[in-house]
Amino acid sequence: MTDHAKHAKAESLERRKAAEPGPSAGQQSSDEMTVRRKLAEAALRDREERLRAILETAVEGIITIDERGIIESLNPAAEKIFGYEAQEVVGKNVKVLMPTLYRDEHDGYLANYLRTGRARIIGIGREVVGLRKDGTVFPMDLSVSEVRLAHKRLFTGFVRDISDRKRLEKEVLQISELEQRRIGQDLHDGLCQQLAGIELMSEVLEQNLSRKSKAEAAQAAKIAEGVRAAIGDTRMLARGLSPVDVESNGLMSALQELASNTEKLFHVACGFECPQPVLVRDHASATHLYRIAQEAINNAIKHGKARQIAVRLTAQSNQASLTVIDDGRGFVVKPEQTSGMGLRIMKYRAGMIGATLEIRRANGRGMLVACLFKSDL
């Protein structure tokens, strides 16, 4: 091929190349969108992986439910706490993780929030009880938060098993109760006996002095009277430190005496009703129940200005109830209220014996404090 022919061929190729259409603006835009989509998908996968890693390594149990209370996910910590594999409960109502007593209460909270928008448990940490797969009930800390998505909202529960903490608290409280009981017995059996001896000597001294000096005999009589008063005060102090006798009927006797002393000290009508014997064999549990009644009575008098108080102890099968009802002015109990008027102490004591405590207005006037417990404690 001559040089002229080669040159002509090259020019032809150049013209053909120039004539070929390049990528249009639309194609360039499509390619850019594809790249951006892939980057966004990669970023989303990265966030999902990080979230999954956080959920799987979190020490707290994390449960998500929808607006109907249906479980959507459990993390490994929640599986360990409740004893379920996630696939066993996903798609079921969260009530499967609650004792029967609290199931209706949970539905009420959720329905009320969805209807009114007023949160009673959302965003508030509280102590509740959970139900494991094997049927055991355990105490736990629960906090709930709300997550709003494009077309629905979820509720996330953060759960921590506090069984060990409660066990330690119970042991500490039992040690304290035992020490109080020991001091009360020492006062009754030791100091009271010594004072009784002094009283007897004072009476003998009074008799001897009566033959010699009426004035000195009168002074001895005053000493004996003062010692008798000291004995009464000491016995009351001992009774306050150890209010419940060891016998199985000790709680009933102690509540009867509590009602009687309330009438004498505060000049209010306070009665005790117990239609049939309610036996609480465990001394620590009986003492907790007594203290709950005592605190409820104090609240009724001090804060409610009650004039009539009724203490009732009833039992049906192995379930028993201790209630204190007054006719005072009452007060509003908020779900998040944890202090004031001894409410926290009463709830704490109820939790120590596995009981449930209800505090509410009674028939529009006064307050009702009800403690439900096992009668064979």
Protein backbone atom coordinates (compact mmCIF):
# COMPACT_ATOMS: atom_id res chain seq x y z
CA MET A 1 0.00 0.00 0.00
CA THR A 2 1.35 3.42 -1.01
CA ASP A 3 1.86 6.22 1.48
CA HIS A 4 -1.04 8.09 -0.07
CA ALA A 5 -3.36 5.11 0.46
CA LYS A 6 -2.20 4.69 4.06
CA HIS A 7 -2.86 8.35 4.76
CA ALA A 8 -6.32 8.14 3.22
CA LYS A 9 -7.19 5.09 5.35
CA ALA A 10 -6.08 6.83 8.54
CA GLU A 11 -8.21 9.87 7.74
CA SER A 12 -11.21 7.58 7.14
CA LEU A 13 -10.77 5.95 10.53
CA GLU A 14 -10.53 9.35 12.21
CA ARG A 15 -13.76 10.52 10.57
CA ARG A 16 -15.55 7.32 11.58
CA LYS A 17 -14.43 7.70 15.23
CA ALA A 18 -15.53 11.29 15.28
CA ALA A 19 -18.87 10.27 13.90
CA GLU A 20 -19.48 7.66 16.69
CA PRO A 21 -21.78 9.05 19.44
CA GLY A 22 -20.26 9.48 22.98
CA PRO A 23 -22.09 8.90 26.29
CA SER A 24 -25.11 11.12 26.62
CA ALA A 25 -25.79 13.38 29.64
CA GLY A 26 -28.53 10.98 30.69
CA GLN A 27 -26.16 8.04 30.72
CA GLN A 28 -23.63 9.97 32.81
CA SER A 29 -26.38 10.88 35.33
CA SER A 30 -27.52 7.24 35.52
CA ASP A 31 -23.98 6.06 36.19
CA GLU A 32 -23.57 8.62 38.97
CA MET A 33 -26.85 7.54 40.60
CA THR A 34 -25.75 3.90 40.45
CA VAL A 35 -22.50 4.79 42.21
CA ARG A 36 -24.29 6.84 44.84
CA ARG A 37 -26.83 4.07 45.45
CA LYS A 38 -24.07 1.54 45.94
CA LEU A 39 -22.28 3.86 48.36
CA ALA A 40 -25.52 4.42 50.31
CA GLU A 41 -26.20 0.68 50.43
CA ALA A 42 -22.67 0.06 51.68
CA ALA A 43 -23.07 2.74 54.35
CA LEU A 44 -26.43 1.22 55.40
CA ARG A 45 -24.89 -2.25 55.64
CA ASP A 46 -22.09 -0.79 57.73
CA ARG A 47 -24.54 0.86 60.13
CA GLU A 48 -26.57 -2.34 60.37
CA GLU A 49 -23.45 -4.35 61.16
CA ARG A 50 -22.41 -1.90 63.84
CA LEU A 51 -25.91 -1.90 65.35
CA ARG A 52 -26.00 -5.69 65.28
CA ALA A 53 -22.61 -5.83 67.01
CA ILE A 54 -23.81 -3.42 69.71
CA LEU A 55 -26.99 -5.42 70.34
CA GLU A 56 -25.16 -8.75 70.45
CA THR A 57 -22.50 -7.53 72.90
CA ALA A 58 -24.74 -5.39 75.16
CA VAL A 59 -24.88 -6.61 78.78
CA GLU A 60 -28.49 -5.41 79.13
CA GLY A 61 -31.37 -7.31 77.64
CA ILE A 62 -32.91 -5.37 74.76
CA ILE A 63 -36.42 -6.18 73.50
CA THR A 64 -38.34 -4.39 70.76
CA ILE A 65 -42.11 -4.57 70.40
CA ASP A 66 -44.61 -2.93 68.06
CA GLU A 67 -47.69 -0.89 68.95
CA ARG A 68 -49.71 -4.05 69.63
CA GLY A 69 -47.12 -5.38 72.05
CA ILE A 70 -45.82 -8.01 69.60
CA ILE A 71 -42.15 -8.88 70.08
CA GLU A 72 -40.00 -8.08 67.06
CA SER A 73 -36.53 -8.85 68.42
CA LEU A 74 -34.50 -10.03 71.41
CA ASN A 75 -30.77 -9.61 71.78
CA PRO A 76 -28.57 -12.42 73.21
CA ALA A 77 -28.55 -10.85 76.70
CA ALA A 78 -32.37 -10.89 76.76
CA GLU A 79 -32.35 -14.51 75.59
CA LYS A 80 -30.07 -15.38 78.51
CA ILE A 81 -32.17 -13.46 81.03
CA PHE A 82 -35.52 -15.00 80.02
CA GLY A 83 -34.25 -18.42 78.90
CA TYR A 84 -35.83 -18.21 75.43
CA GLU A 85 -34.29 -18.38 71.98
CA ALA A 86 -35.36 -15.32 69.99
CA GLN A 87 -37.33 -17.37 67.45
CA GLU A 88 -39.44 -18.85 70.28
CA VAL A 89 -41.00 -15.51 71.22
CA VAL A 90 -40.67 -13.26 68.17
CA GLY A 91 -44.20 -12.72 66.86
CA LYS A 92 -45.77 -13.33 70.29
CA ASN A 93 -47.16 -10.74 72.68
CA VAL A 94 -44.61 -9.44 75.17
CA LYS A 95 -46.93 -10.63 77.96
CA VAL A 96 -45.31 -14.04 77.57
CA LEU A 97 -42.38 -12.54 79.52
CA MET A 98 -44.60 -11.32 82.40
CA PRO A 99 -46.30 -13.04 85.34
CA THR A 100 -50.08 -13.28 85.01
CA LEU A 101 -50.67 -10.60 87.63
CA TYR A 102 -48.98 -7.91 85.50
CA ARG A 103 -50.25 -8.80 82.02
CA ASP A 104 -53.49 -6.80 82.11
CA GLU A 105 -51.64 -3.91 83.71
CA HIS A 106 -49.20 -3.80 80.77
CA ASP A 107 -52.02 -3.78 78.21
CA GLY A 108 -53.60 -0.91 80.10
CA TYR A 109 -50.40 1.15 80.09
CA LEU A 110 -49.85 0.63 76.34
CA ALA A 111 -53.47 1.31 75.38
CA ASN A 112 -53.62 4.42 77.55
CA TYR A 113 -50.43 5.81 75.99
CA LEU A 114 -51.56 5.15 72.42
CA ARG A 115 -54.94 6.74 73.18
CA THR A 116 -53.86 9.80 75.18
CA GLY A 117 -50.15 10.24 74.46
CA ARG A 118 -49.50 10.49 78.21
CA ALA A 119 -46.57 8.29 79.16
CA ARG A 120 -46.75 6.38 82.43
CA ILE A 121 -43.88 3.99 81.81
CA ILE A 122 -42.20 5.39 78.67
CA GLY A 123 -38.89 6.99 79.55
CA ILE A 124 -39.19 6.01 83.22
CA GLY A 125 -36.98 3.40 84.82
CA ARG A 126 -38.81 1.17 87.27
CA GLU A 127 -38.54 -2.12 89.10
CA VAL A 128 -40.85 -4.84 87.79
CA VAL A 129 -40.92 -8.63 87.73
CA GLY A 130 -40.29 -10.90 84.76
CA LEU A 131 -41.20 -14.49 83.92
CA ARG A 132 -38.58 -16.92 82.64
CA LYS A 133 -39.27 -19.80 80.27
CA ASP A 134 -38.98 -22.28 83.17
CA GLY A 135 -41.74 -20.45 85.05
CA THR A 136 -39.57 -18.71 87.64
CA VAL A 137 -40.37 -15.10 88.50
CA PHE A 138 -37.49 -12.67 89.02
CA PRO A 139 -37.03 -8.95 89.77
CA MET A 140 -35.67 -6.69 87.05
CA ASP A 141 -35.00 -3.05 86.20
CA LEU A 142 -36.93 -1.94 83.11
CA SER A 143 -36.71 1.27 81.09
CA VAL A 144 -38.73 1.80 77.92
CA SER A 145 -38.09 4.19 75.04
CA GLU A 146 -40.11 4.94 71.92
CA VAL A 147 -38.75 4.84 68.35
CA ARG A 148 -40.78 6.48 65.58
CA LEU A 149 -40.18 5.15 62.07
CA ALA A 150 -41.66 6.28 58.76
CA HIS A 151 -44.80 4.14 58.90
CA LYS A 152 -44.86 2.80 62.47
CA ARG A 153 -43.40 3.14 65.91
CA LEU A 154 -41.58 0.67 68.07
CA PHE A 155 -40.97 0.43 71.80
CA THR A 156 -37.59 -0.69 73.05
CA GLY A 157 -37.25 -2.18 76.52
CA PHE A 158 -33.90 -2.30 78.31
CA VAL A 159 -33.89 -5.04 80.94
CA ARG A 160 -31.44 -5.87 83.72
CA ASP A 161 -31.82 -8.87 86.03
CA ILE A 162 -31.42 -7.61 89.61
CA SER A 163 -31.92 -10.93 91.41
CA ASP A 164 -28.43 -10.84 92.96
CA ARG A 165 -28.88 -7.27 94.15
CA LYS A 166 -32.26 -8.08 95.68
CA ARG A 167 -30.83 -11.17 97.35
CA LEU A 168 -28.05 -9.11 98.92
CA GLU A 169 -30.49 -6.41 100.02
CA LYS A 170 -32.68 -9.06 101.61
CA GLU A 171 -29.73 -10.53 103.51
CA VAL A 172 -28.71 -7.08 104.77
CA LEU A 173 -32.28 -6.32 105.84
CA GLN A 174 -32.60 -9.69 107.56
CA ILE A 175 -29.39 -9.05 109.49
CA SER A 176 -30.76 -5.66 110.53
CA GLU A 177 -34.07 -7.18 111.61
CA LEU A 178 -32.28 -9.89 113.60
CA GLU A 179 -30.16 -7.28 115.35
CA GLN A 180 -33.24 -5.21 116.20
CA ARG A 181 -34.93 -8.31 117.50
CA ARG A 182 -31.90 -9.17 119.65
CA ILE A 183 -31.81 -5.66 121.11
CA GLY A 184 -35.55 -5.82 121.81
CA GLN A 185 -35.19 -9.14 123.61
CA ASP A 186 -32.22 -7.82 125.62
CA LEU A 187 -34.27 -4.81 126.68
CA HIS A 188 -37.23 -6.98 127.64
CA ASP A 189 -35.37 -9.82 129.32
CA GLY A 190 -32.45 -7.82 130.72
CA LEU A 191 -33.20 -4.18 131.48
CA CYS A 192 -36.88 -4.74 132.28
CA GLN A 193 -35.97 -7.44 134.79
CA GLN A 194 -33.41 -5.20 136.44
CA LEU A 195 -35.91 -2.36 136.66
CA ALA A 196 -38.49 -4.76 138.08
CA GLY A 197 -35.99 -5.64 140.80
CA ILE A 198 -35.45 -1.95 141.59
CA GLU A 199 -39.20 -1.44 141.71
CA LEU A 200 -39.56 -4.28 144.22
CA MET A 201 -36.78 -2.86 146.42
CA SER A 202 -38.43 0.57 146.27
CA GLU A 203 -41.72 -0.90 147.46
CA VAL A 204 -39.95 -2.69 150.35
CA LEU A 205 -38.18 0.57 151.21
CA GLU A 206 -41.52 2.38 151.19
CA GLN A 207 -43.01 -0.14 153.61
CA ASN A 208 -40.03 0.14 155.98
CA LEU A 209 -40.03 3.93 155.90
CA SER A 210 -43.76 4.16 156.47
CA ARG A 211 -43.16 3.17 160.12
CA LYS A 212 -40.62 5.98 160.63
CA SER A 213 -41.34 8.86 158.28
CA LYS A 214 -44.38 9.42 156.10
CA ALA A 215 -42.48 11.97 153.96
CA GLU A 216 -39.62 9.58 153.24
CA ALA A 217 -42.08 6.76 152.51
CA ALA A 218 -43.89 9.00 150.04
CA GLN A 219 -40.58 9.70 148.27
CA ALA A 220 -39.86 5.98 148.06
CA ALA A 221 -43.32 5.49 146.57
CA LYS A 222 -42.54 8.12 143.91
CA ILE A 223 -39.32 6.26 143.08
CA ALA A 224 -41.27 3.02 142.67
CA GLU A 225 -43.82 4.83 140.48
CA GLY A 226 -41.04 6.26 138.28
CA VAL A 227 -39.46 2.84 137.92
CA ARG A 228 -42.82 1.35 136.89
CA ALA A 229 -43.17 4.05 134.20
CA ALA A 230 -39.63 3.30 133.00
CA ILE A 231 -40.50 -0.40 132.78
CA GLY A 232 -43.56 0.42 130.66
CA ASP A 233 -41.53 2.66 128.31
CA THR A 234 -38.81 0.03 128.01
CA ARG A 235 -41.32 -2.67 127.17
CA MET A 236 -42.89 -0.45 124.50
CA LEU A 237 -39.43 0.23 123.05
CA ALA A 238 -38.63 -3.49 123.06
CA ARG A 239 -41.97 -4.22 121.41
CA GLY A 240 -41.25 -1.64 118.71
CA LEU A 241 -37.90 -3.24 117.92
CA SER A 242 -39.38 -6.74 117.80
CA PRO A 243 -43.14 -6.34 117.19
CA VAL A 244 -43.94 -9.86 115.97
CA ASP A 245 -43.63 -12.94 118.16
CA VAL A 246 -41.99 -16.08 116.82
CA GLU A 247 -45.23 -18.05 116.95
CA SER A 248 -47.15 -18.56 113.69
CA ASN A 249 -50.02 -16.40 114.98
CA GLY A 250 -47.59 -13.62 115.86
CA LEU A 251 -48.59 -11.37 112.96
CA MET A 252 -52.26 -11.47 113.91
CA SER A 253 -51.49 -10.65 117.54
CA ALA A 254 -49.08 -7.89 116.55
CA LEU A 255 -51.59 -6.24 114.19
CA GLN A 256 -54.30 -6.42 116.87
CA GLU A 257 -51.96 -4.70 119.33
CA LEU A 258 -50.97 -2.15 116.66
CA ALA A 259 -54.62 -1.20 116.12
CA SER A 260 -55.24 -0.97 119.86
CA ASN A 261 -52.17 1.20 120.48
CA THR A 262 -53.11 3.45 117.55
CA GLU A 263 -56.47 4.18 119.16
CA LYS A 264 -54.84 4.97 122.52
CA LEU A 265 -52.01 7.12 121.21
CA PHE A 266 -53.72 9.03 118.39
CA HIS A 267 -57.37 9.00 119.54
CA VAL A 268 -58.70 7.66 116.24
CA ALA A 269 -60.92 4.66 115.57
CA CYS A 270 -58.67 1.83 114.42
CA GLY A 271 -59.96 -1.73 114.15
CA PHE A 272 -58.40 -5.02 113.18
CA GLU A 273 -60.32 -7.72 111.29
CA CYS A 274 -59.14 -11.27 110.63
CA PRO A 275 -62.09 -13.58 109.80
CA GLN A 276 -59.91 -16.70 109.79
CA PRO A 277 -56.36 -17.45 110.93
CA VAL A 278 -53.63 -16.31 108.53
CA LEU A 279 -50.38 -18.06 109.35
CA VAL A 280 -47.07 -16.45 108.44
CA ARG A 281 -44.40 -18.75 109.80
CA ASP A 282 -41.34 -16.79 108.62
CA HIS A 283 -40.53 -14.16 111.25
CA ALA A 284 -38.80 -11.78 108.81
CA SER A 285 -41.77 -11.86 106.40
CA ALA A 286 -44.23 -11.28 109.24
CA THR A 287 -42.17 -8.31 110.41
CA HIS A 288 -42.13 -6.80 106.90
CA LEU A 289 -45.94 -7.09 106.73
CA TYR A 290 -46.30 -5.52 110.15
CA ARG A 291 -44.06 -2.60 109.15
CA ILE A 292 -46.12 -2.06 105.96
CA ALA A 293 -49.31 -1.82 108.03
CA GLN A 294 -47.59 0.44 110.54
CA GLU A 295 -46.37 2.80 107.80
CA ALA A 296 -49.81 2.86 106.13
CA ILE A 297 -51.44 3.79 109.47
CA ASN A 298 -48.85 6.53 110.07
CA ASN A 299 -49.52 7.95 106.59
CA ALA A 300 -53.29 7.87 107.17
CA ILE A 301 -52.95 9.83 110.41
CA LYS A 302 -50.12 12.19 109.54
CA HIS A 303 -50.87 13.00 105.89
CA GLY A 304 -54.50 11.96 105.45
CA LYS A 305 -55.80 13.28 108.80
CA ALA A 306 -57.94 10.15 109.02
CA ARG A 307 -60.42 9.59 111.84
CA GLN A 308 -61.21 5.96 111.06
CA ILE A 309 -58.78 3.23 109.99
CA ALA A 310 -59.46 -0.43 109.27
CA VAL A 311 -56.74 -3.08 109.16
CA ARG A 312 -57.77 -6.37 107.53
CA LEU A 313 -55.93 -9.65 107.19
CA THR A 314 -57.63 -12.22 104.97
CA ALA A 315 -56.67 -15.40 103.14
CA GLN A 316 -58.04 -17.56 100.35
CA SER A 317 -56.24 -20.76 99.41
CA ASN A 318 -52.51 -19.91 99.61
CA GLN A 319 -53.05 -16.23 98.73
CA ALA A 320 -53.40 -13.71 101.55
CA SER A 321 -54.05 -9.99 101.69
CA LEU A 322 -53.16 -7.30 104.21
CA THR A 323 -55.15 -4.07 103.65
CA VAL A 324 -55.27 -0.76 105.45
CA ILE A 325 -58.21 1.53 104.57
CA ASP A 326 -58.77 5.01 105.98
CA ASP A 327 -61.31 7.82 105.62
CA GLY A 328 -58.74 10.62 105.33
CA ARG A 329 -58.30 13.18 102.58
CA GLY A 330 -55.98 10.89 100.63
CA PHE A 331 -53.28 11.81 98.15
CA VAL A 332 -52.39 11.14 94.52
CA VAL A 333 -49.82 8.40 93.92
CA LYS A 334 -47.82 8.92 90.74
CA PRO A 335 -46.18 5.89 89.03
CA GLU A 336 -42.75 7.51 89.17
CA GLN A 337 -43.12 8.49 92.83
CA THR A 338 -40.41 6.68 94.78
CA SER A 339 -40.09 8.76 97.92
CA GLY A 340 -42.24 10.57 100.43
CA MET A 341 -44.76 9.22 102.94
CA GLY A 342 -42.86 5.97 103.27
CA LEU A 343 -44.08 4.66 99.91
CA ARG A 344 -40.64 3.59 98.84
CA ILE A 345 -40.08 1.72 102.10
CA MET A 346 -43.41 -0.09 101.81
CA LYS A 347 -42.74 -1.11 98.21
CA TYR A 348 -39.25 -2.22 99.15
CA ARG A 349 -40.51 -4.40 102.00
CA ALA A 350 -43.19 -5.94 99.78
CA GLY A 351 -40.56 -6.76 97.17
CA MET A 352 -38.37 -8.42 99.79
CA ILE A 353 -41.03 -11.07 100.47
CA GLY A 354 -42.21 -11.47 96.88
CA ALA A 355 -45.46 -9.63 97.56
CA THR A 356 -47.25 -7.02 95.45
CA LEU A 357 -48.31 -3.66 96.81
CA GLU A 358 -51.25 -1.56 95.59
CA ILE A 359 -51.79 2.01 96.78
CA ARG A 360 -54.84 3.91 95.53
CA ARG A 361 -57.79 6.08 96.50
CA ALA A 362 -60.54 4.22 98.34
CA ASN A 363 -64.09 4.93 97.18
CA GLY A 364 -63.27 8.53 96.34
CA ARG A 365 -62.11 9.30 99.88
CA GLY A 366 -59.17 8.14 101.90
CA MET A 367 -56.56 5.63 100.80
CA LEU A 368 -56.31 1.89 100.41
CA VAL A 369 -52.98 0.10 100.85
CA ALA A 370 -53.19 -3.58 99.86
CA CYS A 371 -50.36 -6.09 100.08
CA LEU A 372 -50.91 -9.48 98.41
CA PHE A 373 -48.64 -12.28 99.58
CA LYS A 374 -48.42 -16.04 99.99
CA SER A 375 -50.00 -17.07 103.24
CA ASP A 376 -47.58 -19.97 103.72
CA LEU A 377 -44.51 -17.73 103.93
